C-alpha atoms as a PDB file:
ATOM      1  CA  MET A   1     -78.816  -2.625 -13.750  1.00  0.00           C
ATOM      2  CA  ASN A   2     -75.681  -4.733 -13.409  1.00  0.00           C
ATOM      3  CA  TYR A   3     -73.170  -3.416 -11.030  1.00  0.00           C
ATOM      4  CA  LEU A   4     -69.433  -4.199 -11.692  1.00  0.00           C
ATOM      5  CA  THR A   5     -67.605  -5.747  -8.962  1.00  0.00           C
ATOM      6  CA  THR A   6     -64.093  -4.563  -7.870  1.00  0.00           C
ATOM      7  CA  GLY A   7     -62.790  -7.825  -9.306  1.00  0.00           C
ATOM      8  CA  LYS A   8     -64.354  -7.324 -12.762  1.00  0.00           C
ATOM      9  CA  VAL A   9     -63.133  -3.715 -12.726  1.00  0.00           C
ATOM     10  CA  LEU A  10     -59.685  -4.839 -12.109  1.00  0.00           C
ATOM     11  CA  VAL A  11     -59.790  -7.614 -14.748  1.00  0.00           C
ATOM     12  CA  TYR A  12     -60.998  -5.096 -17.371  1.00  0.00           C
ATOM     13  CA  LEU A  13     -58.309  -2.643 -16.495  1.00  0.00           C
ATOM     14  CA  ALA A  14     -55.624  -5.346 -16.654  1.00  0.00           C
ATOM     15  CA  ILE A  15     -56.982  -6.458 -20.122  1.00  0.00           C
ATOM     16  CA  ILE A  16     -56.942  -2.822 -21.301  1.00  0.00           C
ATOM     17  CA  PHE A  17     -53.434  -2.297 -19.841  1.00  0.00           C
ATOM     18  CA  MET A  18     -52.149  -5.545 -21.524  1.00  0.00           C
ATOM     19  CA  ALA A  19     -53.684  -4.544 -24.812  1.00  0.00           C
ATOM     20  CA  GLY A  20     -52.212  -1.057 -24.680  1.00  0.00           C
ATOM     21  CA  GLY A  21     -48.796  -2.471 -23.806  1.00  0.00           C
ATOM     22  CA  ALA A  22     -48.911  -4.981 -26.643  1.00  0.00           C
ATOM     23  CA  THR A  23     -50.031  -2.256 -29.129  1.00  0.00           C
ATOM     24  CA  GLY A  24     -47.221   0.072 -27.896  1.00  0.00           C
ATOM     25  CA  ALA A  25     -44.651  -2.599 -28.165  1.00  0.00           C
ATOM     26  CA  VAL A  26     -45.707  -3.306 -31.756  1.00  0.00           C
ATOM     27  CA  ILE A  27     -45.699   0.354 -32.664  1.00  0.00           C
ATOM     28  CA  MET A  28     -42.278   0.973 -31.087  1.00  0.00           C
ATOM     29  CA  ARG A  29     -40.757  -2.009 -32.759  1.00  0.00           C
ATOM     30  CA  ASN A  30     -42.048  -0.879 -36.173  1.00  0.00           C
ATOM     31  CA  ALA A  31     -40.933   2.716 -35.388  1.00  0.00           C
ATOM     32  CA  HIS A  32     -37.492   1.424 -34.374  1.00  0.00           C
ATOM     33  CA  GLU A  33     -37.078  -0.603 -37.525  1.00  0.00           C
ATOM     34  CA  HIS A  34     -38.068   2.353 -39.749  1.00  0.00           C
ATOM     35  CA  GLN A  35     -36.386   4.892 -37.695  1.00  0.00           C
ATOM     36  CA  ALA A  36     -34.898   7.430 -40.073  1.00  0.00           C
ATOM     37  CA  GLN A  37     -31.237   7.103 -40.351  1.00  0.00           C
ATOM     38  CA  PRO A  38     -29.353  10.002 -41.855  1.00  0.00           C
ATOM     39  CA  ALA A  39     -28.995   9.197 -45.399  1.00  0.00           C
ATOM     40  CA  SER A  40     -25.420   9.542 -46.821  1.00  0.00           C
ATOM     41  CA  MET A  41     -25.200  12.157 -49.535  1.00  0.00           C
ATOM     42  CA  GLU A  42     -24.181   9.312 -51.967  1.00  0.00           C
ATOM     43  CA  LYS A  43     -27.353   7.399 -51.261  1.00  0.00           C
ATOM     44  CA  ALA A  44     -29.474  10.526 -51.455  1.00  0.00           C
ATOM     45  CA  CYS A  45     -28.019  11.301 -54.940  1.00  0.00           C
ATOM     46  CA  HIS A  46     -28.530   7.774 -56.162  1.00  0.00           C
ATOM     47  CA  ARG A  47     -32.216   7.906 -54.980  1.00  0.00           C
ATOM     48  CA  PHE A  48     -32.699  11.287 -56.629  1.00  0.00           C
ATOM     49  CA  GLN A  49     -31.269   9.878 -59.886  1.00  0.00           C
ATOM     50  CA  ASP A  50     -33.245   6.620 -59.646  1.00  0.00           C
ATOM     51  CA  ARG A  51     -36.451   8.584 -59.067  1.00  0.00           C
ATOM     52  CA  LEU A  52     -36.020  10.813 -62.040  1.00  0.00           C
ATOM     53  CA  VAL A  53     -35.151   7.787 -64.209  1.00  0.00           C
ATOM     54  CA  SER A  54     -38.268   6.009 -62.979  1.00  0.00           C
ATOM     55  CA  LYS A  55     -40.696   8.963 -62.978  1.00  0.00           C
ATOM     56  CA  LEU A  56     -39.585  10.244 -66.339  1.00  0.00           C
ATOM     57  CA  SER A  57     -39.219   6.780 -67.811  1.00  0.00           C
ATOM     58  CA  LEU A  58     -35.840   7.643 -69.044  1.00  0.00           C
ATOM     59  CA  THR A  59     -34.325   5.289 -71.624  1.00  0.00           C
ATOM     60  CA  ASP A  60     -30.778   3.920 -71.210  1.00  0.00           C
ATOM     61  CA  VAL A  61     -29.529   6.241 -73.908  1.00  0.00           C
ATOM     62  CA  GLN A  62     -30.991   9.239 -72.157  1.00  0.00           C
ATOM     63  CA  VAL A  63     -29.530   8.219 -68.813  1.00  0.00           C
ATOM     64  CA  LYS A  64     -26.138   7.875 -70.455  1.00  0.00           C
ATOM     65  CA  LYS A  65     -26.405  11.338 -71.908  1.00  0.00           C
ATOM     66  CA  LEU A  66     -27.608  12.770 -68.640  1.00  0.00           C
ATOM     67  CA  GLN A  67     -25.019  11.033 -66.446  1.00  0.00           C
ATOM     68  CA  PRO A  68     -22.702  14.031 -66.426  1.00  0.00           C
ATOM     69  CA  VAL A  69     -25.397  16.226 -65.142  1.00  0.00           C
ATOM     70  CA  PHE A  70     -26.249  13.658 -62.464  1.00  0.00           C
ATOM     71  CA  ASP A  71     -22.595  13.348 -61.468  1.00  0.00           C
ATOM     72  CA  GLU A  72     -22.099  17.175 -61.399  1.00  0.00           C
ATOM     73  CA  THR A  73     -25.282  17.656 -59.335  1.00  0.00           C
ATOM     74  CA  ALA A  74     -24.084  14.916 -56.802  1.00  0.00           C
ATOM     75  CA  GLN A  75     -20.629  16.604 -56.523  1.00  0.00           C
ATOM     76  CA  GLU A  76     -22.275  19.942 -55.829  1.00  0.00           C
ATOM     77  CA  LEU A  77     -24.616  18.610 -53.351  1.00  0.00           C
ATOM     78  CA  ARG A  78     -21.866  16.780 -51.477  1.00  0.00           C
ATOM     79  CA  ALA A  79     -19.825  20.094 -51.355  1.00  0.00           C
ATOM     80  CA  VAL A  80     -22.840  21.968 -50.046  1.00  0.00           C
ATOM     81  CA  HIS A  81     -23.553  19.334 -47.508  1.00  0.00           C
ATOM     82  CA  ALA A  82     -19.888  19.215 -46.291  1.00  0.00           C
ATOM     83  CA  ARG A  83     -19.971  23.128 -45.926  1.00  0.00           C
ATOM     84  CA  ALA A  84     -23.211  22.818 -44.006  1.00  0.00           C
ATOM     85  CA  ILE A  85     -21.656  20.379 -41.596  1.00  0.00           C
ATOM     86  CA  HIS A  86     -18.631  22.402 -41.094  1.00  0.00           C
ATOM     87  CA  HIS A  87     -20.741  25.519 -40.416  1.00  0.00           C
ATOM     88  CA  THR A  88     -22.965  23.725 -37.960  1.00  0.00           C
ATOM     89  CA  ASP A  89     -19.855  22.435 -36.215  1.00  0.00           C
ATOM     90  CA  GLU A  90     -18.548  25.931 -35.847  1.00  0.00           C
ATOM     91  CA  ILE A  91     -21.876  27.163 -34.301  1.00  0.00           C
ATOM     92  CA  ILE A  92     -21.893  24.184 -31.883  1.00  0.00           C
ATOM     93  CA  ARG A  93     -18.384  24.821 -30.877  1.00  0.00           C
ATOM     94  CA  LYS A  94     -19.018  28.551 -30.248  1.00  0.00           C
ATOM     95  CA  ALA A  95     -22.046  27.600 -28.083  1.00  0.00           C
ATOM     96  CA  HIS A  96     -20.044  24.984 -26.188  1.00  0.00           C
ATOM     97  CA  GLN A  97     -17.331  27.577 -25.380  1.00  0.00           C
ATOM     98  CA  GLN A  98     -20.074  29.892 -23.955  1.00  0.00           C
ATOM     99  CA  ILE A  99     -21.743  27.024 -22.026  1.00  0.00           C
ATOM    100  CA  ALA A 100     -18.408  25.786 -20.547  1.00  0.00           C
ATOM    101  CA  LYS A 101     -17.939  29.022 -18.672  1.00  0.00           C
ATOM    102  CA  GLU A 102     -20.999  28.250 -16.532  1.00  0.00           C
ATOM    103  CA  LEU A 103     -20.132  24.480 -15.867  1.00  0.00           C
ATOM    104  CA  THR A 104     -18.508  22.721 -12.943  1.00  0.00           C
ATOM    105  CA  PRO A 105     -15.291  20.872 -13.673  1.00  0.00           C
ATOM    106  CA  GLU A 106     -17.274  17.563 -13.817  1.00  0.00           C
ATOM    107  CA  GLN A 107     -19.768  19.025 -16.256  1.00  0.00           C
ATOM    108  CA  LYS A 108     -16.908  20.495 -18.308  1.00  0.00           C
ATOM    109  CA  ALA A 109     -15.316  17.046 -18.487  1.00  0.00           C
ATOM    110  CA  LYS A 110     -18.694  15.591 -19.732  1.00  0.00           C
ATOM    111  CA  LEU A 111     -18.977  18.297 -22.346  1.00  0.00           C
ATOM    112  CA  GLU A 112     -15.488  17.600 -23.511  1.00  0.00           C
ATOM    113  CA  GLN A 113     -16.326  13.823 -23.852  1.00  0.00           C
ATOM    114  CA  PHE A 114     -19.473  14.805 -25.774  1.00  0.00           C
ATOM    115  CA  ASP A 115     -17.462  17.011 -27.959  1.00  0.00           C
ATOM    116  CA  GLN A 116     -15.042  14.226 -28.748  1.00  0.00           C
ATOM    117  CA  GLU A 117     -17.822  11.871 -29.513  1.00  0.00           C
ATOM    118  CA  ARG A 118     -19.375  14.479 -31.828  1.00  0.00           C
ATOM    119  CA  GLN A 119     -15.994  15.092 -33.524  1.00  0.00           C
ATOM    120  CA  GLU A 120     -15.483  11.370 -34.195  1.00  0.00           C
ATOM    121  CA  TRP A 121     -19.178  11.259 -35.535  1.00  0.00           C
ATOM    122  CA  LEU A 122     -18.221  14.236 -37.812  1.00  0.00           C
ATOM    123  CA  ARG A 123     -15.169  12.579 -39.116  1.00  0.00           C
ATOM    124  CA  GLN A 124     -17.130   9.511 -39.953  1.00  0.00           C
ATOM    125  CA  ARG A 125     -19.862  11.546 -41.575  1.00  0.00           C
ATOM    126  CA  LEU A 126     -17.484  13.551 -43.672  1.00  0.00           C
ATOM    127  CA  ASN A 127     -15.540  10.482 -44.790  1.00  0.00           C
ATOM    128  CA  GLU A 128     -18.894   9.091 -45.835  1.00  0.00           C
ATOM    129  CA  GLN A 129     -19.571  12.273 -47.834  1.00  0.00           C
ATOM    130  CA  ALA A 130     -16.226  11.973 -49.728  1.00  0.00           C
ATOM    131  CA  PRO A 131     -16.892  11.215 -53.438  1.00  0.00           C
ATOM    132  CA  THR A 132     -16.412   7.756 -54.358  1.00  0.00           C
ATOM    133  CA  ASN A 133     -14.910   6.614 -57.662  1.00  0.00           C
ATOM    134  CA  GLU A 134     -17.538   4.383 -59.363  1.00  0.00           C
END
Protein backbone atom coordinates (compact mmCIF):
# COMPACT_ATOMS: atom_id res chain seq x y z
CA MET A 1 0.00 0.00 0.00
CA ASN A 2 1.29 3.44 -0.94
CA TYR A 3 1.57 5.87 1.89
CA LEU A 4 1.26 9.56 1.12
CA THR A 5 4.09 11.67 2.30
CA THR A 6 3.44 14.97 4.00
CA GLY A 7 4.76 16.75 0.91
CA LYS A 8 2.31 14.96 -1.39
CA VAL A 9 -0.60 15.70 0.93
CA LEU A 10 0.36 19.39 0.99
CA VAL A 11 0.62 19.48 -2.81
CA TYR A 12 -2.80 17.82 -3.18
CA LEU A 13 -4.35 20.22 -0.68
CA ALA A 14 -2.79 23.18 -2.47
CA ILE A 15 -4.18 21.96 -5.82
CA ILE A 16 -7.63 21.46 -4.32
CA PHE A 17 -7.48 24.89 -2.69
CA MET A 18 -6.43 26.59 -5.94
CA ALA A 19 -9.11 24.76 -7.94
CA GLY A 20 -11.74 25.79 -5.39
CA GLY A 21 -10.53 29.38 -5.45
CA ALA A 22 -10.60 29.51 -9.24
CA THR A 23 -14.08 27.98 -9.33
CA GLY A 24 -15.31 30.42 -6.70
CA ALA A 25 -13.84 33.36 -8.59
CA VAL A 26 -15.58 32.32 -11.81
CA ILE A 27 -18.89 31.77 -10.03
CA MET A 28 -18.68 35.11 -8.19
CA ARG A 29 -17.75 36.98 -11.37
CA ASN A 30 -20.73 35.49 -13.18
CA ALA A 31 -23.01 36.12 -10.22
CA HIS A 32 -21.88 39.74 -10.04
CA GLU A 33 -22.45 40.25 -13.77
CA HIS A 34 -25.93 38.77 -13.54
CA GLN A 35 -26.80 40.24 -10.16
CA ALA A 36 -30.43 41.23 -10.16
CA GLN A 37 -30.78 44.97 -10.31
CA PRO A 38 -34.11 46.36 -9.38
CA ALA A 39 -35.89 46.77 -12.67
CA SER A 40 -37.51 50.08 -13.25
CA MET A 41 -41.25 49.89 -13.56
CA GLU A 42 -40.93 51.25 -17.08
CA LYS A 43 -38.62 48.40 -18.08
CA ALA A 44 -40.86 45.86 -16.36
CA CYS A 45 -43.91 47.14 -18.24
CA HIS A 46 -42.06 47.01 -21.56
CA ARG A 47 -40.87 43.47 -20.84
CA PHE A 48 -44.42 42.45 -19.93
CA GLN A 49 -45.75 43.89 -23.17
CA ASP A 50 -42.94 42.38 -25.25
CA ARG A 51 -43.54 38.95 -23.73
CA LEU A 52 -47.24 39.11 -24.49
CA VAL A 53 -46.58 40.22 -28.05
CA SER A 54 -44.07 37.40 -28.49
CA LYS A 55 -45.91 34.60 -26.68
CA LEU A 56 -49.25 35.39 -28.30
CA SER A 57 -47.71 36.19 -31.71
CA LEU A 58 -49.67 39.42 -31.83
CA THR A 59 -49.81 41.18 -35.17
CA ASP A 60 -48.91 44.85 -35.57
CA VAL A 61 -52.62 45.63 -35.92
CA GLN A 62 -53.40 43.83 -32.66
CA VAL A 63 -50.57 45.57 -30.86
CA LYS A 64 -51.84 48.94 -32.08
CA LYS A 65 -55.38 48.13 -30.89
CA LEU A 66 -54.11 46.86 -27.54
CA GLN A 67 -51.68 49.74 -26.94
CA PRO A 68 -54.20 51.69 -24.81
CA VAL A 69 -54.59 48.61 -22.57
CA PHE A 70 -50.82 48.28 -22.25
CA ASP A 71 -50.46 51.99 -21.47
CA GLU A 72 -53.25 51.97 -18.87
CA THR A 73 -51.81 48.86 -17.24
CA ALA A 74 -48.35 50.45 -17.09
CA GLN A 75 -49.79 53.60 -15.53
CA GLU A 76 -51.68 51.61 -12.91
CA LEU A 77 -48.61 49.50 -12.10
CA ARG A 78 -46.45 52.62 -11.70
CA ALA A 79 -49.02 54.09 -9.29
CA VAL A 80 -49.21 50.89 -7.23
CA HIS A 81 -45.43 50.67 -7.14
CA ALA A 82 -45.05 54.30 -6.03
CA ARG A 83 -47.63 53.78 -3.25
CA ALA A 84 -45.78 50.65 -2.12
CA ILE A 85 -42.49 52.56 -2.00
CA HIS A 86 -44.08 55.34 0.07
CA HIS A 87 -45.72 52.85 2.43
CA THR A 88 -42.45 50.96 2.85
CA ASP A 89 -40.70 54.25 3.60
CA GLU A 90 -43.26 55.07 6.30
CA ILE A 91 -42.70 51.69 7.94
CA ILE A 92 -38.93 52.10 7.90
CA ARG A 93 -39.16 55.65 9.29
CA LYS A 94 -41.35 54.42 12.16
CA ALA A 95 -38.90 51.61 12.92
CA HIS A 96 -35.94 53.99 12.82
CA GLN A 97 -37.67 56.37 15.25
CA GLN A 98 -38.07 53.50 17.71
CA ILE A 99 -34.54 52.23 17.11
CA ALA A 100 -33.04 55.71 17.59
CA LYS A 101 -34.29 55.77 21.19
CA GLU A 102 -31.80 53.01 22.07
CA LEU A 103 -28.76 54.33 20.18
CA THR A 104 -25.72 56.24 21.29
CA PRO A 105 -25.17 59.70 19.75
CA GLU A 106 -22.61 58.19 17.36
CA GLN A 107 -25.02 55.47 16.31
CA LYS A 108 -27.80 58.04 15.85
CA ALA A 109 -25.53 60.02 13.54
CA LYS A 110 -24.87 56.87 11.50
CA LEU A 111 -28.60 56.13 11.37
CA GLU A 112 -29.30 59.68 10.19
CA GLN A 113 -26.65 59.31 7.47
CA PHE A 114 -28.17 55.99 6.47
CA ASP A 115 -31.62 57.63 6.31
CA GLN A 116 -30.29 60.47 4.15
CA GLU A 117 -28.76 57.94 1.74
CA ARG A 118 -32.02 55.98 1.69
CA GLN A 119 -34.01 59.15 1.02
CA GLU A 120 -31.74 60.03 -1.91
CA TRP A 121 -32.16 56.51 -3.28
CA LEU A 122 -35.95 56.88 -2.91
CA ARG A 123 -35.94 60.21 -4.75
CA GLN A 124 -34.00 58.67 -7.61
CA ARG A 125 -36.21 55.59 -7.62
CA LEU A 126 -39.42 57.61 -7.65
CA ASN A 127 -38.12 59.89 -10.42
CA GLU A 128 -37.35 56.73 -12.38
CA GLN A 129 -40.94 55.60 -11.82
CA ALA A 130 -42.40 58.82 -13.19
CA PRO A 131 -44.20 58.17 -16.47
CA THR A 132 -42.25 59.14 -19.52
CA ASN A 133 -43.82 60.59 -22.63
CA GLU A 134 -42.95 58.30 -25.47
